N, C-alpha and C. Protein backbone atom coordinates (compact mmCIF):
# COMPACT_ATOMS: atom_id res chain seq x y z
N UNK A 1 21.29 -18.30 37.51
CA UNK A 1 22.05 -18.34 36.61
C UNK A 1 23.83 -18.03 37.88
N UNK A 2 24.90 -19.03 37.54
CA UNK A 2 25.51 -19.33 38.30
C UNK A 2 26.45 -18.06 38.01
N UNK A 3 27.57 -17.67 39.38
CA UNK A 3 27.63 -16.54 38.97
C UNK A 3 28.65 -16.04 38.14
N UNK A 4 29.62 -17.17 38.24
CA UNK A 4 30.60 -17.20 36.90
C UNK A 4 30.30 -16.82 35.77
N UNK A 5 29.27 -17.41 35.24
CA UNK A 5 28.22 -16.89 33.86
C UNK A 5 28.06 -15.71 34.00
N UNK A 6 27.28 -15.23 34.64
CA UNK A 6 26.71 -13.98 35.23
C UNK A 6 27.88 -12.93 35.21
N UNK A 7 29.23 -13.16 35.53
CA UNK A 7 30.01 -12.57 35.30
C UNK A 7 30.98 -12.24 33.97
N UNK A 8 30.41 -13.11 33.29
CA UNK A 8 31.37 -13.42 31.92
C UNK A 8 30.22 -12.48 31.08
N UNK A 9 28.82 -12.31 31.55
CA UNK A 9 27.74 -12.34 30.32
C UNK A 9 27.58 -10.32 30.94
N UNK A 10 27.93 -10.19 31.94
CA UNK A 10 27.64 -9.19 32.70
C UNK A 10 28.25 -7.52 32.02
N UNK A 11 27.26 -7.07 31.32
CA UNK A 11 28.23 -5.90 30.53
C UNK A 11 27.97 -6.13 28.79
N UNK A 12 27.90 -7.16 28.34
CA UNK A 12 28.18 -7.20 27.58
C UNK A 12 26.46 -7.25 26.64
N UNK A 13 26.21 -6.99 25.48
CA UNK A 13 25.43 -6.99 24.50
C UNK A 13 25.37 -8.40 23.86
N UNK A 14 24.28 -8.87 23.74
CA UNK A 14 24.14 -10.59 23.71
C UNK A 14 23.07 -10.18 22.30
N UNK A 15 23.90 -10.59 20.65
CA UNK A 15 23.13 -10.17 19.64
C UNK A 15 22.74 -11.78 19.12
N UNK A 16 21.43 -11.39 18.75
CA UNK A 16 20.60 -12.60 18.37
C UNK A 16 20.12 -12.01 16.47
N UNK A 17 20.56 -12.79 16.26
CA UNK A 17 20.25 -11.97 14.64
C UNK A 17 19.03 -13.15 14.18
N UNK A 18 18.30 -12.55 13.29
CA UNK A 18 17.16 -12.84 12.85
C UNK A 18 17.55 -14.01 11.23
N UNK A 19 17.44 -15.31 11.58
CA UNK A 19 17.38 -16.22 10.38
C UNK A 19 16.41 -15.83 9.13
N UNK A 20 15.97 -15.04 8.02
CA UNK A 20 14.97 -15.38 7.43
C UNK A 20 15.21 -16.55 6.27
N UNK A 21 13.61 -16.59 6.17
CA UNK A 21 13.41 -17.68 5.34
C UNK A 21 12.20 -17.41 4.32
N UNK A 22 12.09 -18.09 3.30
CA UNK A 22 10.81 -17.23 2.44
C UNK A 22 10.15 -18.18 2.65
N UNK A 23 9.02 -18.80 1.78
CA UNK A 23 7.83 -19.51 1.61
C UNK A 23 7.08 -18.74 0.66
N UNK A 24 6.68 -19.84 -0.18
CA UNK A 24 5.79 -19.44 -1.75
C UNK A 24 4.19 -20.49 -1.07
N UNK A 25 2.95 -19.80 -0.65
CA UNK A 25 1.92 -20.36 -0.02
C UNK A 25 0.84 -20.15 -0.82
N UNK A 26 -0.32 -20.57 -1.05
CA UNK A 26 -1.84 -20.00 -1.70
C UNK A 26 -2.15 -18.32 -0.42
N UNK A 27 -3.14 -17.74 -1.49
CA UNK A 27 -3.10 -16.64 -1.05
C UNK A 27 -4.53 -17.03 -0.47
N UNK A 28 -4.64 -16.41 0.81
CA UNK A 28 -5.65 -16.57 1.59
C UNK A 28 -7.16 -15.44 1.45
N UNK A 29 -7.78 -15.32 2.05
CA UNK A 29 -8.74 -14.23 2.15
C UNK A 29 -8.21 -12.87 2.96
N UNK A 30 -7.42 -13.28 4.02
CA UNK A 30 -7.05 -12.82 5.48
C UNK A 30 -5.86 -11.92 5.11
N UNK A 31 -5.26 -12.52 3.61
CA UNK A 31 -3.71 -11.97 3.03
C UNK A 31 -3.84 -10.76 2.35
N UNK A 32 -5.25 -10.06 2.06
CA UNK A 32 -5.91 -9.33 0.82
C UNK A 32 -5.56 -7.76 1.33
N UNK A 33 -5.59 -7.41 2.23
CA UNK A 33 -5.37 -6.31 2.63
C UNK A 33 -4.30 -6.00 2.71
N UNK A 34 -2.73 -6.70 3.06
CA UNK A 34 -1.86 -6.76 3.05
C UNK A 34 -1.26 -6.66 1.53
N UNK A 35 -2.06 -7.61 0.59
CA UNK A 35 -1.44 -7.88 -0.99
C UNK A 35 -1.98 -6.52 -1.46
N UNK A 36 -2.92 -5.90 -0.80
CA UNK A 36 -3.33 -4.31 -1.47
C UNK A 36 -2.49 -3.67 -1.33
N UNK A 37 -1.91 -3.49 0.00
CA UNK A 37 -0.66 -2.25 0.12
C UNK A 37 0.54 -2.87 -0.72
N UNK A 38 1.04 -3.87 -1.08
CA UNK A 38 2.02 -4.51 -1.73
C UNK A 38 1.79 -3.79 -3.25
N UNK A 39 0.36 -3.86 -3.48
CA UNK A 39 -0.18 -3.67 -4.67
C UNK A 39 0.04 -2.20 -5.26
N UNK A 40 -0.52 -1.57 -4.19
CA UNK A 40 -0.17 -0.09 -4.40
C UNK A 40 0.88 0.73 -4.44
N UNK A 41 1.57 0.00 -3.70
CA UNK A 41 2.94 0.33 -3.58
C UNK A 41 4.03 0.46 -4.93
N UNK A 42 3.50 -0.15 -5.89
CA UNK A 42 4.15 -0.68 -6.77
C UNK A 42 3.23 0.15 -8.49
N UNK A 43 2.47 0.06 -7.55
CA UNK A 43 1.97 1.62 -9.02
C UNK A 43 2.84 2.68 -9.58
N UNK A 44 2.90 2.78 -10.91
CA UNK A 44 2.36 2.35 -12.23
C UNK A 44 2.58 1.03 -12.57
N UNK A 45 3.80 0.02 -11.79
CA UNK A 45 4.42 -0.64 -12.53
C UNK A 45 2.85 -2.00 -12.47
N UNK A 46 2.35 -1.92 -11.60
CA UNK A 46 1.18 -2.77 -11.31
C UNK A 46 0.40 -1.78 -11.53
N UNK A 47 -1.19 -2.27 -11.28
CA UNK A 47 -2.57 -1.40 -12.06
C UNK A 47 -2.89 -0.93 -10.60
N UNK A 48 -3.49 -0.13 -10.47
CA UNK A 48 -4.22 0.63 -9.11
C UNK A 48 -5.46 -0.27 -8.89
N UNK A 49 -5.64 -0.89 -7.51
CA UNK A 49 -6.45 -1.44 -7.17
C UNK A 49 -7.16 -0.65 -5.88
N UNK A 50 -8.46 -1.52 -5.68
CA UNK A 50 -8.79 -1.21 -4.59
C UNK A 50 -9.46 -2.35 -4.07
N UNK A 51 -9.90 -2.69 -2.82
CA UNK A 51 -10.09 -3.80 -2.18
C UNK A 51 -11.03 -4.69 -3.07
N UNK A 52 -12.25 -4.21 -3.61
CA UNK A 52 -13.59 -4.90 -4.14
C UNK A 52 -12.59 -5.42 -5.42
N UNK A 53 -11.65 -4.93 -5.77
CA UNK A 53 -11.37 -5.05 -7.48
C UNK A 53 -10.28 -6.23 -7.02
N UNK A 54 -9.70 -6.21 -6.01
CA UNK A 54 -8.60 -6.96 -5.74
C UNK A 54 -9.21 -8.33 -5.74
N UNK A 55 -10.52 -8.22 -4.79
CA UNK A 55 -10.95 -9.83 -4.35
C UNK A 55 -11.74 -10.52 -5.29
N UNK A 56 -12.43 -9.24 -6.90
CA UNK A 56 -12.61 -9.97 -7.85
C UNK A 56 -11.46 -11.04 -8.79
N UNK A 57 -10.51 -10.62 -9.04
CA UNK A 57 -9.03 -10.78 -9.51
C UNK A 57 -9.12 -11.79 -8.95
N UNK A 58 -8.95 -12.29 -7.55
CA UNK A 58 -8.02 -13.26 -6.84
C UNK A 58 -9.09 -14.17 -7.20
N UNK A 59 -10.53 -14.03 -6.75
CA UNK A 59 -11.83 -15.06 -6.66
C UNK A 59 -11.64 -15.31 -8.77
N UNK A 60 -11.25 -14.97 -9.67
CA UNK A 60 -10.93 -15.20 -10.90
C UNK A 60 -9.85 -16.31 -11.25
N UNK A 61 -8.51 -15.98 -10.32
CA UNK A 61 -7.82 -16.45 -10.55
C UNK A 61 -7.20 -17.95 -10.55
N UNK A 62 -6.72 -18.53 -11.30
CA UNK A 62 -6.63 -19.86 -11.32
C UNK A 62 -5.42 -19.99 -9.97
N UNK A 63 -4.20 -19.26 -9.86
CA UNK A 63 -3.08 -19.51 -9.34
C UNK A 63 -2.73 -18.10 -8.88
N UNK A 64 -3.24 -17.92 -7.47
CA UNK A 64 -3.37 -16.63 -6.54
C UNK A 64 -1.81 -17.38 -5.76
N UNK A 65 -0.90 -16.37 -5.35
CA UNK A 65 -0.03 -16.78 -4.84
C UNK A 65 0.50 -15.91 -3.59
N UNK A 66 0.93 -15.80 -2.45
CA UNK A 66 1.96 -14.97 -1.74
C UNK A 66 3.21 -15.39 -1.35
N UNK A 67 4.31 -14.76 -1.22
CA UNK A 67 5.59 -15.15 -0.57
C UNK A 67 5.57 -14.23 0.36
N UNK A 68 6.13 -15.37 1.78
CA UNK A 68 6.05 -14.75 3.06
C UNK A 68 7.56 -15.05 3.22
N UNK A 69 8.04 -13.63 4.34
CA UNK A 69 9.33 -13.74 4.70
C UNK A 69 9.06 -14.72 6.72
N UNK A 70 10.13 -15.39 7.01
CA UNK A 70 9.52 -15.79 8.18
C UNK A 70 10.75 -15.43 9.03
N UNK A 71 11.20 -15.54 10.48
CA UNK A 71 12.39 -15.15 11.02
C UNK A 71 12.11 -16.75 11.42
N UNK A 72 12.67 -17.85 11.45
CA UNK A 72 13.53 -18.88 11.70
C UNK A 72 13.11 -19.26 13.28
N UNK A 73 13.73 -17.92 13.91
CA UNK A 73 14.40 -18.02 15.61
C UNK A 73 12.91 -17.96 16.27
N UNK A 74 11.81 -17.18 15.61
CA UNK A 74 10.49 -17.08 15.61
C UNK A 74 9.60 -16.73 15.26
N UNK A 75 9.20 -17.79 14.46
CA UNK A 75 8.28 -17.87 12.99
C UNK A 75 6.83 -17.57 13.41
N UNK A 76 6.68 -17.68 14.89
CA UNK A 76 5.07 -17.47 15.03
C UNK A 76 4.73 -15.73 15.05
N UNK A 77 5.34 -14.88 15.15
CA UNK A 77 5.43 -13.69 15.31
C UNK A 77 6.33 -12.76 14.54
N UNK A 78 6.78 -13.31 13.07
CA UNK A 78 7.51 -12.91 11.77
C UNK A 78 7.05 -13.04 10.53
N UNK A 79 6.04 -13.50 10.47
CA UNK A 79 5.87 -13.94 9.69
C UNK A 79 5.05 -12.51 8.40
N UNK A 80 5.53 -12.39 7.00
CA UNK A 80 5.52 -11.09 6.69
C UNK A 80 5.04 -11.41 5.10
N UNK A 81 4.10 -10.88 4.36
CA UNK A 81 4.10 -11.24 2.68
C UNK A 81 4.89 -10.02 2.41
N UNK A 82 5.63 -10.34 1.50
CA UNK A 82 6.78 -9.60 0.40
C UNK A 82 6.35 -9.76 -0.81
N UNK A 83 5.24 -10.40 -1.32
CA UNK A 83 4.97 -10.13 -2.48
C UNK A 83 4.13 -11.23 -3.07
N UNK A 84 3.41 -11.62 -3.95
CA UNK A 84 2.64 -12.17 -4.48
C UNK A 84 2.40 -12.03 -6.29
N UNK A 85 1.54 -12.97 -6.43
CA UNK A 85 1.47 -12.75 -8.14
C UNK A 85 -0.05 -13.55 -8.83
N UNK A 86 -1.20 -13.06 -9.31
CA UNK A 86 -2.24 -13.38 -9.62
C UNK A 86 -2.14 -14.09 -11.09
N UNK A 87 -2.37 -15.26 -11.54
CA UNK A 87 -2.51 -15.47 -12.56
C UNK A 87 -4.40 -16.29 -13.05
N UNK A 88 -4.11 -16.11 -14.31
CA UNK A 88 -5.74 -16.21 -14.83
C UNK A 88 -5.35 -17.19 -15.96
N UNK A 89 -6.39 -18.18 -16.13
CA UNK A 89 -6.46 -19.22 -16.52
C UNK A 89 -7.76 -18.65 -18.21
N UNK A 90 -7.83 -19.08 -19.93
CA UNK A 90 -8.71 -18.81 -20.20
C UNK A 90 -10.06 -19.30 -20.27
N UNK A 91 -10.70 -18.35 -20.18
CA UNK A 91 -12.70 -18.56 -19.89
C UNK A 91 -12.89 -17.62 -18.94
N UNK A 92 -11.90 -16.58 -17.75
CA UNK A 92 -12.17 -15.96 -17.23
C UNK A 92 -13.09 -14.51 -17.43
N UNK A 93 -13.68 -14.37 -16.51
CA UNK A 93 -14.55 -13.03 -17.08
C UNK A 93 -14.21 -11.24 -16.42
N UNK A 94 -12.80 -12.00 -15.92
CA UNK A 94 -11.68 -10.47 -16.25
C UNK A 94 -11.98 -9.65 -17.86
N UNK A 95 -12.37 -8.20 -17.00
CA UNK A 95 -12.25 -7.37 -18.04
C UNK A 95 -11.11 -6.09 -19.09
N UNK A 96 -10.06 -6.82 -18.20
CA UNK A 96 -8.33 -6.36 -18.46
C UNK A 96 -8.55 -6.21 -20.12
N UNK A 97 -8.34 -5.44 -20.48
CA UNK A 97 -7.52 -5.07 -21.90
C UNK A 97 -6.86 -5.99 -22.29
N UNK A 98 -5.60 -6.40 -21.51
CA UNK A 98 -4.77 -7.26 -21.63
C UNK A 98 -4.65 -8.46 -21.52
N UNK A 99 -5.83 -9.32 -20.85
CA UNK A 99 -5.92 -10.22 -20.86
C UNK A 99 -6.45 -10.49 -22.16
N UNK A 100 -7.43 -9.67 -22.17
CA UNK A 100 -8.45 -9.74 -23.69
C UNK A 100 -7.60 -10.26 -24.65
N UNK A 101 -6.70 -9.48 -24.92
CA UNK A 101 -5.48 -9.32 -26.11
C UNK A 101 -5.01 -10.62 -25.93
N UNK A 102 -4.69 -10.91 -25.00
CA UNK A 102 -4.11 -12.47 -24.74
C UNK A 102 -4.83 -13.56 -25.53
N UNK A 103 -6.22 -13.63 -24.84
CA UNK A 103 -7.09 -14.51 -25.11
C UNK A 103 -7.76 -14.84 -26.31
N UNK A 104 -7.16 -13.60 -27.15
CA UNK A 104 -8.18 -13.29 -28.74
C UNK A 104 -6.82 -14.03 -29.57
N UNK A 105 -5.13 -13.69 -28.98
CA UNK A 105 -3.95 -13.90 -30.10
C UNK A 105 -3.51 -15.45 -29.33
N UNK A 106 -3.98 -15.43 -27.85
CA UNK A 106 -3.27 -16.57 -27.37
C UNK A 106 -4.21 -17.42 -26.48
N UNK A 107 -5.18 -17.90 -26.85
CA UNK A 107 -6.25 -18.41 -26.09
C UNK A 107 -6.10 -19.14 -25.27
N UNK A 108 -5.28 -20.08 -25.33
CA UNK A 108 -4.69 -21.12 -24.72
C UNK A 108 -3.34 -20.75 -23.38
N UNK A 109 -3.47 -19.93 -23.47
CA UNK A 109 -1.89 -19.53 -22.39
C UNK A 109 -2.72 -18.96 -20.99
N UNK A 110 -1.76 -19.06 -19.87
CA UNK A 110 -2.16 -18.31 -18.96
C UNK A 110 -1.87 -17.20 -18.62
N UNK A 111 -2.35 -16.19 -17.74
CA UNK A 111 -2.01 -14.94 -18.00
C UNK A 111 -2.10 -14.32 -16.77
N UNK A 112 -0.26 -13.95 -16.59
CA UNK A 112 -0.18 -13.25 -15.17
C UNK A 112 -0.51 -12.03 -15.04
N UNK A 113 -1.52 -11.78 -13.94
CA UNK A 113 -1.60 -10.54 -14.09
C UNK A 113 -1.68 -9.42 -13.47
N UNK A 114 -0.50 -9.62 -12.18
CA UNK A 114 0.16 -8.90 -11.58
C UNK A 114 1.15 -9.93 -10.96
N UNK A 115 1.91 -9.43 -10.23
CA UNK A 115 2.96 -9.67 -9.51
C UNK A 115 4.37 -8.39 -8.96
N UNK A 116 4.28 -8.59 -7.16
CA UNK A 116 4.95 -7.53 -6.84
C UNK A 116 5.35 -7.63 -5.96
N UNK A 117 6.67 -6.89 -5.25
CA UNK A 117 7.21 -7.55 -4.32
C UNK A 117 7.37 -6.07 -3.16
N UNK A 118 7.84 -6.02 -2.40
CA UNK A 118 7.85 -4.85 -0.82
C UNK A 118 9.61 -4.47 -1.79
N UNK A 119 9.86 -3.19 -1.48
CA UNK A 119 11.19 -2.55 -2.09
C UNK A 119 12.21 -3.37 -1.12
N UNK A 120 12.12 -4.16 0.03
CA UNK A 120 13.18 -4.62 0.70
C UNK A 120 13.09 -6.64 0.22
N UNK A 121 12.25 -6.35 -0.50
CA UNK A 121 12.19 -7.89 -0.99
C UNK A 121 13.06 -8.13 -2.40
N UNK A 122 13.10 -7.05 -3.60
CA UNK A 122 13.41 -7.19 -4.08
C UNK A 122 14.88 -7.54 -4.85
N UNK A 123 15.06 -8.21 -5.87
CA UNK A 123 17.00 -8.09 -6.00
C UNK A 123 17.46 -9.28 -5.10
N UNK A 124 16.37 -10.52 -4.48
CA UNK A 124 16.93 -11.25 -3.37
C UNK A 124 16.56 -12.64 -4.13
N UNK A 125 16.18 -12.61 -5.96
CA UNK A 125 15.97 -13.70 -6.69
C UNK A 125 14.55 -14.26 -6.08
N UNK A 126 13.52 -13.67 -5.41
CA UNK A 126 12.40 -14.14 -4.92
C UNK A 126 11.20 -14.01 -6.14
N UNK A 127 11.42 -13.13 -7.26
CA UNK A 127 10.82 -13.27 -8.55
C UNK A 127 11.10 -14.55 -8.98
N UNK A 128 12.20 -15.06 -9.24
CA UNK A 128 12.34 -16.25 -10.66
C UNK A 128 11.87 -17.26 -9.58
N UNK A 129 11.88 -17.22 -8.04
CA UNK A 129 11.69 -18.99 -7.28
C UNK A 129 10.01 -18.88 -7.66
N UNK A 130 9.17 -17.58 -7.40
CA UNK A 130 7.61 -17.53 -7.56
C UNK A 130 7.42 -17.84 -9.32
N UNK A 131 8.00 -17.56 -10.08
CA UNK A 131 8.02 -18.14 -11.66
C UNK A 131 8.48 -19.13 -11.35
N UNK A 132 9.14 -19.82 -10.96
CA UNK A 132 9.38 -21.45 -10.87
C UNK A 132 7.89 -22.26 -10.15
N UNK A 133 7.44 -21.79 -9.15
CA UNK A 133 6.50 -22.55 -8.52
C UNK A 133 5.13 -21.77 -9.82
N UNK A 134 4.89 -21.13 -9.95
CA UNK A 134 4.15 -20.59 -11.33
C UNK A 134 3.98 -21.79 -12.08
N UNK A 135 5.29 -21.90 -12.25
CA UNK A 135 5.56 -23.24 -13.71
C UNK A 135 5.61 -24.32 -13.25
N UNK A 136 5.88 -25.01 -12.16
CA UNK A 136 5.45 -26.01 -11.53
C UNK A 136 3.50 -26.37 -11.13
N UNK A 137 2.65 -25.42 -10.70
CA UNK A 137 1.44 -25.57 -10.67
C UNK A 137 0.99 -25.35 -12.18
N UNK A 138 1.75 -24.98 -13.02
CA UNK A 138 0.65 -24.80 -14.30
C UNK A 138 0.95 -26.63 -15.11
N UNK A 139 2.43 -27.23 -14.85
CA UNK A 139 2.71 -28.49 -15.73
C UNK A 139 1.63 -29.11 -14.73
N UNK A 140 1.76 -29.30 -13.29
CA UNK A 140 0.34 -30.11 -12.52
C UNK A 140 -0.96 -29.70 -12.75
N UNK A 141 -1.49 -28.59 -12.83
CA UNK A 141 -2.21 -28.17 -12.45
C UNK A 141 -3.46 -28.03 -14.05
N UNK A 142 -2.56 -27.48 -15.03
CA UNK A 142 -3.20 -27.12 -16.34
C UNK A 142 -2.02 -26.91 -17.28
N UNK A 143 -2.00 -28.51 -17.60
CA UNK A 143 -1.20 -29.30 -18.46
C UNK A 143 -1.50 -28.42 -19.74
N UNK A 144 -2.86 -28.49 -20.32
CA UNK A 144 -3.59 -27.63 -21.44
C UNK A 144 -2.91 -26.46 -21.40
N UNK A 145 -1.87 -25.64 -20.92
CA UNK A 145 -2.00 -24.40 -21.03
C UNK A 145 -0.12 -24.24 -21.65
N UNK A 146 0.45 -24.59 -22.76
CA UNK A 146 1.66 -24.35 -22.91
C UNK A 146 2.38 -23.12 -22.66
N UNK A 147 2.11 -21.80 -22.08
CA UNK A 147 2.66 -20.48 -22.25
C UNK A 147 1.98 -19.85 -21.09
N UNK A 148 3.01 -18.97 -20.69
CA UNK A 148 2.75 -17.86 -19.56
C UNK A 148 3.04 -16.38 -20.33
N UNK A 149 1.86 -15.63 -20.23
CA UNK A 149 1.62 -13.87 -21.01
C UNK A 149 1.43 -13.41 -19.41
N UNK A 150 2.19 -12.48 -20.04
CA UNK A 150 2.01 -11.01 -19.56
C UNK A 150 2.36 -10.13 -20.00
N UNK A 151 2.49 -8.64 -19.55
CA UNK A 151 2.56 -7.34 -20.05
C UNK A 151 3.65 -6.72 -19.01
N UNK A 152 4.69 -5.64 -19.94
CA UNK A 152 5.31 -4.78 -18.77
C UNK A 152 5.46 -3.91 -19.69
N UNK A 153 5.27 -2.56 -18.85
CA UNK A 153 5.23 -1.00 -18.83
C UNK A 153 6.29 -0.75 -19.84
N UNK A 154 6.14 -0.25 -21.54
CA UNK A 154 7.23 0.16 -21.79
C UNK A 154 7.33 1.86 -22.01
N UNK A 155 6.45 2.08 -21.95
CA UNK A 155 6.18 3.75 -21.97
C UNK A 155 5.26 4.39 -21.35
N UNK A 156 5.77 4.70 -19.35
CA UNK A 156 6.87 5.26 -19.32
C UNK A 156 7.59 3.36 -19.11
N UNK A 157 8.61 3.51 -19.15
CA UNK A 157 9.62 2.16 -19.50
C UNK A 157 9.79 1.42 -17.62
N UNK A 158 9.64 0.55 -17.39
CA UNK A 158 9.58 -0.31 -16.69
C UNK A 158 10.87 -1.26 -16.67
N UNK A 159 11.96 -0.38 -16.50
CA UNK A 159 13.74 -1.10 -16.81
C UNK A 159 13.84 -2.67 -16.30
N UNK A 160 13.78 -2.34 -14.75
CA UNK A 160 13.88 -3.55 -14.36
C UNK A 160 13.23 -4.91 -14.41
N UNK A 161 12.21 -4.97 -14.87
CA UNK A 161 11.02 -5.70 -15.26
C UNK A 161 11.54 -6.25 -16.81
N UNK A 162 11.85 -5.46 -17.68
CA UNK A 162 11.92 -5.69 -18.89
C UNK A 162 13.49 -6.74 -18.99
N UNK A 163 14.23 -6.65 -17.90
CA UNK A 163 15.47 -7.29 -18.10
C UNK A 163 14.78 -8.15 -17.81
N UNK A 164 14.38 -8.58 -16.22
CA UNK A 164 13.67 -9.82 -15.66
C UNK A 164 13.17 -10.19 -16.65
N UNK A 165 12.14 -9.93 -17.39
CA UNK A 165 11.39 -11.08 -18.15
C UNK A 165 12.23 -11.63 -19.14
N UNK A 166 13.22 -10.29 -19.69
CA UNK A 166 14.00 -11.37 -20.67
C UNK A 166 14.63 -12.35 -20.63
N UNK A 167 15.49 -12.19 -18.92
CA UNK A 167 16.36 -13.65 -18.66
C UNK A 167 15.41 -14.64 -18.57
N UNK A 168 14.37 -14.35 -18.40
CA UNK A 168 13.53 -15.42 -17.97
C UNK A 168 12.80 -15.90 -19.17
N UNK A 169 13.10 -15.34 -20.57
CA UNK A 169 12.46 -16.10 -21.74
C UNK A 169 11.27 -15.48 -22.36
N UNK A 170 10.99 -14.39 -21.81
CA UNK A 170 9.63 -13.94 -22.37
C UNK A 170 9.95 -13.29 -23.56
N UNK A 171 9.57 -13.29 -24.52
CA UNK A 171 9.52 -12.35 -25.87
C UNK A 171 8.02 -11.58 -25.98
N UNK A 172 8.69 -10.32 -26.72
CA UNK A 172 7.24 -9.56 -27.07
C UNK A 172 6.48 -10.24 -27.79
N UNK A 173 5.40 -10.13 -28.17
CA UNK A 173 4.12 -10.46 -29.47
C UNK A 173 3.46 -9.76 -29.55
N UNK A 174 3.66 -8.38 -29.28
CA UNK A 174 2.48 -7.69 -29.75
C UNK A 174 2.48 -6.24 -28.51
N UNK A 175 2.34 -5.20 -28.96
CA UNK A 175 2.21 -3.74 -28.21
C UNK A 175 0.84 -3.48 -27.82
N UNK A 176 0.41 -2.93 -26.99
CA UNK A 176 -0.38 -1.78 -27.16
C UNK A 176 -0.77 -0.81 -25.87
N UNK A 177 -1.70 0.18 -26.11
CA UNK A 177 -2.12 1.07 -24.92
C UNK A 177 -2.99 0.94 -24.16
N UNK A 178 -2.65 0.55 -22.83
CA UNK A 178 -3.15 -0.04 -21.78
C UNK A 178 -3.38 1.26 -20.52
N UNK A 179 -4.62 2.11 -20.64
CA UNK A 179 -4.90 2.83 -19.16
C UNK A 179 -4.04 3.85 -19.35
N UNK A 180 -3.70 4.28 -20.63
CA UNK A 180 -2.20 5.75 -21.02
C UNK A 180 -1.21 5.26 -21.37
N UNK A 181 -1.09 4.09 -20.97
CA UNK A 181 0.81 3.54 -20.62
C UNK A 181 0.94 2.25 -22.06
N UNK A 182 2.35 2.44 -22.92
CA UNK A 182 2.55 1.76 -23.57
C UNK A 182 2.65 0.13 -22.77
N UNK A 183 2.06 -0.75 -23.45
CA UNK A 183 2.68 -2.08 -22.90
C UNK A 183 3.24 -2.95 -23.43
N UNK A 184 4.30 -3.93 -23.61
CA UNK A 184 5.18 -4.59 -24.40
C UNK A 184 4.15 -6.56 -23.90
N UNK A 185 3.11 -6.91 -24.74
CA UNK A 185 2.99 -8.02 -24.56
C UNK A 185 4.02 -9.32 -24.93
N UNK A 186 4.20 -10.09 -23.63
CA UNK A 186 4.80 -10.99 -23.61
C UNK A 186 4.49 -12.55 -23.47
N UNK A 187 5.34 -13.36 -23.74
CA UNK A 187 5.04 -14.77 -23.62
C UNK A 187 6.63 -15.36 -23.53
N UNK A 188 6.11 -16.85 -22.93
CA UNK A 188 6.77 -17.59 -23.07
C UNK A 188 6.57 -19.16 -22.77
N UNK A 189 7.22 -20.20 -23.03
CA UNK A 189 6.47 -21.62 -22.98
C UNK A 189 6.85 -21.73 -21.58
N UNK A 190 6.09 -22.60 -21.07
CA UNK A 190 6.48 -22.85 -19.24
C UNK A 190 7.34 -23.60 -19.14
N UNK A 191 9.04 -23.24 -18.46
CA UNK A 191 9.58 -23.98 -18.78
C UNK A 191 9.46 -25.60 -18.33
N UNK A 192 10.25 -26.21 -19.13
CA UNK A 192 10.64 -27.60 -18.48
C UNK A 192 10.57 -27.92 -16.93
N UNK A 193 10.79 -29.18 -16.37
CA UNK A 193 10.71 -29.43 -14.75
C UNK A 193 11.75 -29.90 -14.86
N UNK A 194 12.26 -29.41 -14.15
CA UNK A 194 14.05 -28.69 -13.42
C UNK A 194 14.24 -30.33 -12.62
C-alpha cells in the first residue's frame, strides 16, 4: 500500500456494513434442525413439535418453504433461515384436528399448517412476501385449490397474527378448541396474479 494511502487510513476504523437480502426457497432435509428451532421459539403460537413430527409434516406438505436472510457482501457465510411455512393439500394423512376440520368443511382448500419467523425477522414484510409466494405456487401447481385455510389462536389471543391475517383478507369461518387453545378457523381465496 502506498505510504500516502496508509497515512490516510491509519487510525481510522473502516466500517463495512452488511447488505441484507432475503429469498424464499424450497425447504431441504438439512434445514430441519433450524426450522425446528424457529418453530419451538414460536410455541404456543404454533404447535409444539419434535424432529420426527416435523419430518412427518414436511413429508406430507405440498408446499414447504424457508425464508433465508443473506449478506450480499459475503453470501457464502451469511445464509440464515429466519422463517418457514408448511402447506398441506387435500388428501393428506395428517392428523391435525384443524386440518381435519377444514377437509370436512372446505375440502378443496389448501391448509397452511404453520408459519413462523425468528423474532428479529418480524415486522419486515417477510410474512406478506411468503404468502405471495404461496399464492404463486398454488396458482401454478394447485389450480384446483381455490383457497388457503389456517387457524390463529384467539384464547389466548395472538393479536399480531389476527391483525396480519385480517389485513391479508382472511375471514373466520369457524372456531374450535385445539389442544386446549381456542382457535379462529380462517379462509381466503388465493389472491389473483399481480
